[in-house]
Protein backbone atom coordinates (compact mmCIF):
# COMPACT_ATOMS: atom_id res chain seq x y z
CA UNK A 1 32.79 2.81 30.87
CA UNK A 2 31.91 6.53 31.75
CA UNK A 3 28.11 7.20 32.26
CA UNK A 4 25.95 8.77 29.59
CA UNK A 5 26.06 12.66 29.97
CA UNK A 6 22.79 14.45 30.91
CA UNK A 7 21.37 17.86 31.10
CA UNK A 8 22.37 17.70 34.99
CA UNK A 9 25.99 16.84 34.01
CA UNK A 10 26.18 19.72 31.50
CA UNK A 11 24.69 22.09 34.00
CA UNK A 12 27.27 21.25 36.50
CA UNK A 13 30.09 21.66 34.28
CA UNK A 14 28.95 25.14 33.01
CA UNK A 15 27.71 26.21 36.41
CA UNK A 16 24.14 26.83 35.36
CA UNK A 17 20.86 25.50 36.10
CA UNK A 18 19.23 22.26 34.41
CA UNK A 19 16.52 24.63 33.00
CA UNK A 20 19.28 26.67 31.26
CA UNK A 21 20.85 23.83 29.45
CA UNK A 22 17.29 22.72 28.46
CA UNK A 23 16.57 26.05 26.88
CA UNK A 24 19.84 25.85 25.12
CA UNK A 25 18.55 23.07 23.07
CA UNK A 26 14.88 23.80 22.97
CA UNK A 27 14.24 27.66 23.50
CA UNK A 28 17.38 29.19 22.33
CA UNK A 29 15.62 32.80 22.35
CA UNK A 30 15.71 32.45 26.19
CA UNK A 31 19.22 32.77 26.47
CA UNK A 32 22.05 35.04 25.20
CA UNK A 33 24.24 33.95 22.20
CA UNK A 34 27.28 33.68 24.42
CA UNK A 35 25.63 31.59 27.22
CA UNK A 36 23.93 29.25 24.59
CA UNK A 37 27.26 28.61 22.88
CA UNK A 38 29.07 27.95 26.09
CA UNK A 39 26.46 25.38 27.08
CA UNK A 40 26.57 23.78 23.55
CA UNK A 41 30.40 23.71 23.57
CA UNK A 42 30.62 21.83 26.94
CA UNK A 43 27.76 19.39 25.71
CA UNK A 44 29.79 18.52 22.55
CA UNK A 45 32.88 18.14 24.84
CA UNK A 46 31.03 15.78 27.15
CA UNK A 47 29.61 13.69 24.02
CA UNK A 48 25.87 14.87 24.65
CA UNK A 49 23.92 14.77 21.34
CA UNK A 50 20.78 16.57 22.59
CA UNK A 51 17.52 15.57 24.04
CA UNK A 52 15.89 12.24 23.24
CA UNK A 53 13.78 12.77 20.45
CA UNK A 54 11.03 10.44 21.87
CA UNK A 55 10.84 12.37 25.23
CA UNK A 56 10.73 15.71 23.21
CA UNK A 57 7.76 14.45 21.15
CA UNK A 58 6.05 13.34 24.32
CA UNK A 59 6.49 16.57 26.05
CA UNK A 60 5.16 18.62 22.84
CA UNK A 61 2.56 16.14 22.28
CA UNK A 62 3.30 15.94 18.48
CA UNK A 63 6.06 14.26 16.57
CA UNK A 64 5.77 15.99 13.05
CA UNK A 65 5.82 12.46 11.41
CA UNK A 66 3.23 10.37 9.81
CA UNK A 67 3.19 6.60 10.06
CA UNK A 68 2.40 4.68 6.73
CA UNK A 69 1.46 0.83 7.49
CA UNK A 70 2.05 -1.38 4.65
CA UNK A 71 0.73 -5.06 4.30
CA UNK A 72 3.86 -6.44 3.37
CA UNK A 73 7.78 -6.52 4.28
CA UNK A 74 9.71 -3.36 4.05
CA UNK A 75 11.45 -4.21 0.75
CA UNK A 76 8.06 -4.40 -1.14
CA UNK A 77 7.70 -0.76 -0.38
CA UNK A 78 10.68 -0.10 -2.51
CA UNK A 79 10.10 -2.87 -5.05
CA UNK A 80 6.38 -3.06 -5.79
CA UNK A 81 5.65 -0.36 -8.42
CA UNK A 82 2.05 0.56 -7.07
CA UNK A 83 3.28 0.68 -3.42
CA UNK A 84 6.22 3.00 -4.71
CA UNK A 85 3.71 5.32 -6.46
CA UNK A 86 1.18 5.58 -3.34
CA UNK A 87 4.10 6.41 -1.13
CA UNK A 88 5.28 9.10 -3.51
CA UNK A 89 1.87 10.57 -3.07
CA UNK A 90 2.14 10.52 0.82
CA UNK A 91 5.49 12.02 0.67
CA UNK A 92 4.33 14.77 -1.64
CA UNK A 93 1.91 16.00 0.96
CA UNK A 94 4.31 15.35 3.60
CA UNK A 95 6.72 17.93 1.84
CA UNK A 96 4.06 20.57 1.61
CA UNK A 97 3.27 20.21 5.23
CA UNK A 98 6.72 20.02 6.41
CA UNK A 99 6.27 16.39 7.96
CA UNK A 100 8.27 13.53 8.15
CA UNK A 101 7.26 9.81 7.10
CA UNK A 102 7.68 6.58 9.04
CA UNK A 103 7.11 3.29 7.27
CA UNK A 104 5.47 0.49 9.43
CA UNK A 105 5.93 -2.85 7.65
CA UNK A 106 4.60 -6.41 8.31
CA UNK A 107 7.09 -8.37 10.51
CA UNK A 108 5.83 -11.74 11.63
CA UNK A 109 5.28 -11.53 15.44
CA UNK A 110 5.78 -7.99 15.80
CA UNK A 111 3.09 -6.55 13.69
CA UNK A 112 1.21 -4.92 16.23
CA UNK A 113 4.03 -3.95 18.62
CA UNK A 114 5.56 -1.75 15.75
CA UNK A 115 2.34 0.12 15.68
CA UNK A 116 1.95 0.48 19.50
CA UNK A 117 5.48 1.90 19.61
CA UNK A 118 5.68 4.22 16.43
CA UNK A 119 6.54 8.03 17.25
CA UNK A 120 3.89 9.28 14.83
CA UNK A 121 1.00 11.81 14.94
CA UNK A 122 -1.44 9.56 12.75
CA UNK A 123 -1.49 6.60 10.26
CA UNK A 124 -2.22 6.06 6.69
CA UNK A 125 -3.05 2.37 6.29
CA UNK A 126 -2.48 0.86 3.06
CA UNK A 127 -4.30 -2.33 1.89
CA UNK A 128 -4.79 -4.53 4.84
CA UNK A 129 -6.96 -7.40 5.14
CA UNK A 130 -10.15 -7.23 7.49
CA UNK A 131 -8.56 -9.36 10.23
CA UNK A 132 -5.22 -7.71 10.27
CA UNK A 133 -4.13 -7.55 14.11
CA UNK A 134 -2.50 -4.09 13.40
CA UNK A 135 -6.12 -2.24 13.04
CA UNK A 136 -6.86 -3.09 16.75
CA UNK A 137 -3.43 -1.51 17.75
CA UNK A 138 -3.94 1.39 15.50
CA UNK A 139 -7.36 2.17 17.13
CA UNK A 140 -5.98 1.56 20.53
CA UNK A 141 -3.52 4.39 19.78
CA UNK A 142 -6.55 6.91 19.60
CA UNK A 143 -4.52 8.65 16.83
CA UNK A 144 -6.18 9.97 13.53
CA UNK A 145 -5.93 7.41 10.75
CA UNK A 146 -6.94 6.89 7.05
CA UNK A 147 -7.62 3.72 5.21
CA UNK A 148 -6.41 3.08 1.71
CA UNK A 149 -8.15 0.09 -0.30
CA UNK A 150 -10.44 -0.64 2.66
CA UNK A 151 -14.14 -0.93 2.56
CA UNK A 152 -16.06 2.33 3.10
CA UNK A 153 -18.10 2.46 6.14
CA UNK A 154 -15.71 0.38 8.27
CA UNK A 155 -13.58 3.36 8.90
CA UNK A 156 -14.32 7.10 9.60
CA UNK A 157 -11.72 8.10 6.78
CA UNK A 158 -11.28 5.88 3.52
CA UNK A 159 -9.54 6.23 0.09
CA UNK A 160 -10.54 3.87 -2.84
CA UNK A 161 -10.35 3.72 -6.34
CA UNK A 162 -13.39 2.31 -8.38
CA UNK A 163 -12.08 -1.28 -8.47
CA UNK A 164 -15.42 -2.82 -9.41
CA UNK A 165 -16.10 -0.75 -12.29
CA UNK A 166 -12.47 -1.09 -13.79
CA UNK A 167 -12.59 -4.82 -13.49
CA UNK A 168 -16.12 -4.79 -14.97
CA UNK A 169 -14.75 -2.81 -17.98
CA UNK A 170 -11.85 -5.23 -18.36
CA UNK A 171 -14.31 -8.08 -18.69
CA UNK A 172 -16.50 -6.30 -20.88
CA UNK A 173 -13.92 -5.57 -23.13
CA UNK A 174 -12.77 -9.13 -23.47
CA UNK A 175 -16.37 -10.23 -23.92
CA UNK A 176 -16.88 -7.67 -26.67
CA UNK A 177 -13.80 -9.26 -28.23
CA UNK A 178 -15.74 -12.67 -28.29
CA UNK A 179 -14.24 -14.33 -25.41
CA UNK A 180 -16.26 -16.70 -23.51
CA UNK A 181 -13.64 -19.12 -21.92
CA UNK A 182 -11.96 -17.14 -19.18
CA UNK A 183 -9.57 -17.77 -16.41
CA UNK A 184 -8.71 -15.65 -13.09
CA UNK A 185 -5.36 -15.23 -11.42
CA UNK A 186 -5.10 -14.18 -7.82
CA UNK A 187 -2.30 -13.79 -5.55
CA UNK A 188 -0.97 -15.13 -2.19
CA UNK A 189 -1.93 -18.56 -2.75
CA UNK A 190 -5.64 -18.35 -2.39
CA UNK A 191 -6.81 -22.08 -1.79
CA UNK A 192 -10.29 -21.52 -3.31
CA UNK A 193 -11.18 -23.58 -6.40
CA UNK A 194 -14.33 -21.70 -7.13
CA UNK A 195 -15.42 -18.14 -7.28
CA UNK A 196 -18.03 -18.59 -4.27
CA UNK A 197 -15.21 -20.07 -2.08
CA UNK A 198 -12.77 -17.23 -3.06
CA UNK A 199 -15.40 -14.58 -2.15
CA UNK A 200 -16.04 -16.22 1.36
CA UNK A 201 -12.17 -16.30 2.16
CA UNK A 202 -11.14 -12.97 0.71
CA UNK A 203 -9.81 -10.80 3.38
CA UNK A 204 -9.14 -7.85 1.13
CA UNK A 205 -11.68 -5.28 -0.03
CA UNK A 206 -9.77 -4.78 -3.51
CA UNK A 207 -9.92 -8.42 -4.32
CA UNK A 208 -13.63 -8.76 -3.55
CA UNK A 209 -14.33 -5.56 -5.60
CA UNK A 210 -12.38 -6.75 -8.73
CA UNK A 211 -13.74 -10.26 -8.58
CA UNK A 212 -17.36 -8.47 -8.27
CA UNK A 213 -16.62 -6.32 -11.53
CA UNK A 214 -15.39 -9.41 -13.47
CA UNK A 215 -18.47 -11.30 -12.48
CA UNK A 216 -20.96 -8.61 -13.65
CA UNK A 217 -19.64 -8.38 -17.28
CA UNK A 218 -19.17 -12.35 -17.51
CA UNK A 219 -22.38 -13.03 -16.29
CA UNK A 220 -24.27 -10.54 -18.31
CA UNK A 221 -22.76 -12.17 -21.39
CA UNK A 222 -23.82 -15.53 -20.25
CA UNK A 223 -20.65 -16.89 -18.72
CA UNK A 224 -21.43 -19.11 -15.80
CA UNK A 225 -19.01 -17.16 -13.54
CA UNK A 226 -19.09 -19.89 -10.87
CA UNK A 227 -17.14 -22.16 -13.20
CA UNK A 228 -14.60 -19.80 -14.25
CA UNK A 229 -11.43 -21.59 -13.13
CA UNK A 230 -9.10 -19.53 -10.51
CA UNK A 231 -5.40 -20.03 -10.10
CA UNK A 232 -2.87 -18.53 -7.53
CA UNK A 233 0.45 -19.05 -6.21
CA UNK A 234 2.50 -17.75 -3.27
CA UNK A 235 3.43 -14.11 -3.49
CA UNK A 236 2.17 -11.10 -5.54
CA UNK A 237 5.01 -10.81 -7.99
CA UNK A 238 5.81 -11.91 -11.49
CA UNK A 239 7.01 -15.31 -10.28
CA UNK A 240 3.69 -15.93 -8.60
CA UNK A 241 1.84 -14.94 -11.90
CA UNK A 242 4.11 -17.14 -13.99
CA UNK A 243 3.38 -20.10 -11.71
CA UNK A 244 -0.72 -19.25 -11.43
CA UNK A 245 -0.79 -18.65 -15.12
CA UNK A 246 0.95 -21.90 -15.73
CA UNK A 247 -1.82 -23.73 -13.93
CA UNK A 248 -4.41 -22.34 -16.25
CA UNK A 249 -2.39 -22.73 -19.47
CA UNK A 250 -1.91 -26.28 -18.68
CA UNK A 251 -5.58 -27.31 -18.45
CA UNK A 252 -7.22 -29.33 -21.16
CA UNK A 253 -9.87 -26.37 -21.54
CA UNK A 254 -7.35 -23.69 -21.59
CA UNK A 255 -8.85 -20.17 -21.19
CA UNK A 256 -8.76 -17.89 -24.22
CA UNK A 257 -8.72 -14.94 -21.95
CA UNK A 258 -6.98 -14.45 -18.37
CA UNK A 259 -7.93 -11.61 -16.19
CA UNK A 260 -5.38 -11.00 -13.31
CA UNK A 261 -5.64 -9.20 -9.98
CA UNK A 262 -2.58 -6.99 -10.74
CA UNK A 263 -0.20 -6.14 -13.64
CA UNK A 264 2.61 -7.81 -11.81
CA UNK A 265 0.85 -10.88 -11.99
CA UNK A 266 -0.24 -10.35 -15.62
CA UNK A 267 3.21 -9.98 -16.59
CA UNK A 268 3.96 -13.27 -15.20
CA UNK A 269 1.05 -14.79 -16.97
CA UNK A 270 2.75 -13.39 -20.27
CA UNK A 271 5.93 -15.22 -19.36
CA UNK A 272 4.14 -18.65 -18.72
CA UNK A 273 2.53 -18.21 -22.03
CA UNK A 274 5.85 -17.64 -23.71
CA UNK A 275 7.23 -20.81 -22.15
CA UNK A 276 4.45 -22.94 -23.59
CA UNK A 277 4.50 -21.36 -27.10
CA UNK A 278 1.10 -19.78 -26.55
CA UNK A 279 0.80 -16.77 -28.69
CA UNK A 280 -0.53 -13.39 -27.08
CA UNK A 281 -2.94 -12.17 -28.14
CA UNK A 282 -3.51 -14.45 -31.13
CA UNK A 283 -4.11 -17.46 -28.82
CA UNK A 284 -4.42 -15.87 -25.63
CA UNK A 285 -5.54 -12.61 -24.12
CA UNK A 286 -4.30 -11.39 -20.88
CA UNK A 287 -5.40 -8.03 -18.89
CA UNK A 288 -3.85 -6.58 -15.51
CA UNK A 289 -4.89 -4.10 -13.14
CA UNK A 290 -2.85 -1.05 -11.92
CA UNK A 291 -1.20 0.31 -15.08
CA UNK A 292 2.37 0.23 -13.61
CA UNK A 293 5.17 1.54 -15.94
CA UNK A 294 6.21 -2.21 -16.98
CA UNK A 295 2.62 -2.79 -18.41
CA UNK A 296 3.13 -0.15 -21.03
CA UNK A 297 6.40 -1.55 -22.10
CA UNK A 298 5.00 -5.30 -22.32
CA UNK A 299 1.91 -3.80 -24.31
CA UNK A 300 -0.36 -5.16 -21.59
CA UNK A 301 -4.04 -4.36 -21.48
CA UNK A 302 -4.85 -3.02 -17.98
CA UNK A 303 -6.96 -0.51 -15.66
CA UNK A 304 -5.19 2.57 -14.71
CA UNK A 305 -5.79 3.89 -11.34
CA UNK A 306 -4.37 7.01 -9.70
CA UNK A 307 -1.70 5.58 -7.17
CA UNK A 308 -0.16 8.76 -6.31
CA UNK A 309 -3.19 10.40 -5.60
CA UNK A 310 -4.63 7.76 -3.48
CA UNK A 311 -1.65 8.20 -1.13
CA UNK A 312 -2.02 12.10 -1.21
CA UNK A 313 -5.68 11.94 -0.80
CA UNK A 314 -5.26 9.71 2.05
CA UNK A 315 -2.82 11.96 3.92
CA UNK A 316 -5.10 14.99 3.33
CA UNK A 317 -7.96 13.52 5.08
CA UNK A 318 -5.88 12.55 8.08
CA UNK A 319 -4.65 16.09 8.36
CA UNK A 320 -8.10 17.65 7.94
CA UNK A 321 -9.50 18.15 11.25
CA UNK A 322 -12.67 19.78 10.13
CA UNK A 323 -13.88 16.62 8.51
CA UNK A 324 -13.75 13.70 10.88
CA UNK A 325 -15.47 11.37 8.32
CA UNK A 326 -15.12 11.27 4.74
CA UNK A 327 -14.80 8.58 2.04
CA UNK A 328 -13.08 9.31 -1.38
CA UNK A 329 -13.74 7.21 -4.56
CA UNK A 330 -11.34 7.83 -7.23
CA UNK A 331 -11.96 6.85 -10.90
CA UNK A 332 -10.31 4.24 -13.02
CA UNK A 333 -9.72 4.03 -16.74
CA UNK A 334 -9.55 0.94 -18.94
CA UNK A 335 -6.37 1.00 -21.01
CA UNK A 336 -6.45 -1.60 -24.11
CA UNK A 337 -3.35 -2.47 -25.53
CA UNK A 338 -1.84 -5.15 -27.61
CA UNK A 339 -2.17 -8.12 -25.15
CA UNK A 340 -5.96 -8.42 -26.02
CA UNK A 341 -7.43 -9.47 -29.37
CA UNK A 342 -10.55 -11.14 -30.46
CA UNK A 343 -11.12 -14.85 -29.38
CA UNK A 344 -9.42 -17.42 -31.47
């Protein structure tokens, strides 16, 4: 098999210097149109596709690409409605700034390596846990980065929504409807059986804030939050919500209201209720968080958050070289729908 053609190979074939060939690809204004076309034609004949993009990026000190680190497999970036909208926000700013976007997913065993080798100018980091090994890899790159859904003060640039207030309003809405027997649905198979244990083991800022918001409203109404039952299941989708919801609905002291960490989980709880013949909202109220499109179709009471603006705001912070430290807190909005009603 013949060796891969190089700049030197082309230079010899054309009878020019290696620098002249390089200029034909990288600085065309340095050559006459005729000479440049002769170099490019020879390159095509020899099967040379052009300079290596990684080497070109290193020589320029800039790639023109932003990395987006997500805390899930790559398929979730295209299937989870909240993630899709966040990425849309990042992409909208990329288009304005003429930048590319590279996704860096979670892949067991190679998480940090993907960060170390990513050809990017900076990172937007979306909803990762406190102990995520990729954070050390990001910091070791000495590139700018902005965190979404991460505790303010623990990074120079953070973008969050008011998760605590959104959750508090949800619980207050249910309290005002007369509910006092609650259940909580979490994701990712949280082994905790009590609120205290859940808080101690939670690695995600978003989870802690939502749990704290529910706690504020329930405890103010005299509900002993420490005894509110928790349920979870592997994953963070409808199937996980159906399993976790089933655990709560199969209890002898079945809740009259269930608050869920996300809309996808809440939609699964609605399915679990339907399977058991539990009428929503007559016998059970269910509330989610996110206001994904499917929530409106299902009549799900939820908390609306600006997913697209989270992504856009994070990239704007990343690109703003005049403000090295900034924390953005976006508002949330309670959206009552038909899945909640007065306590039976």
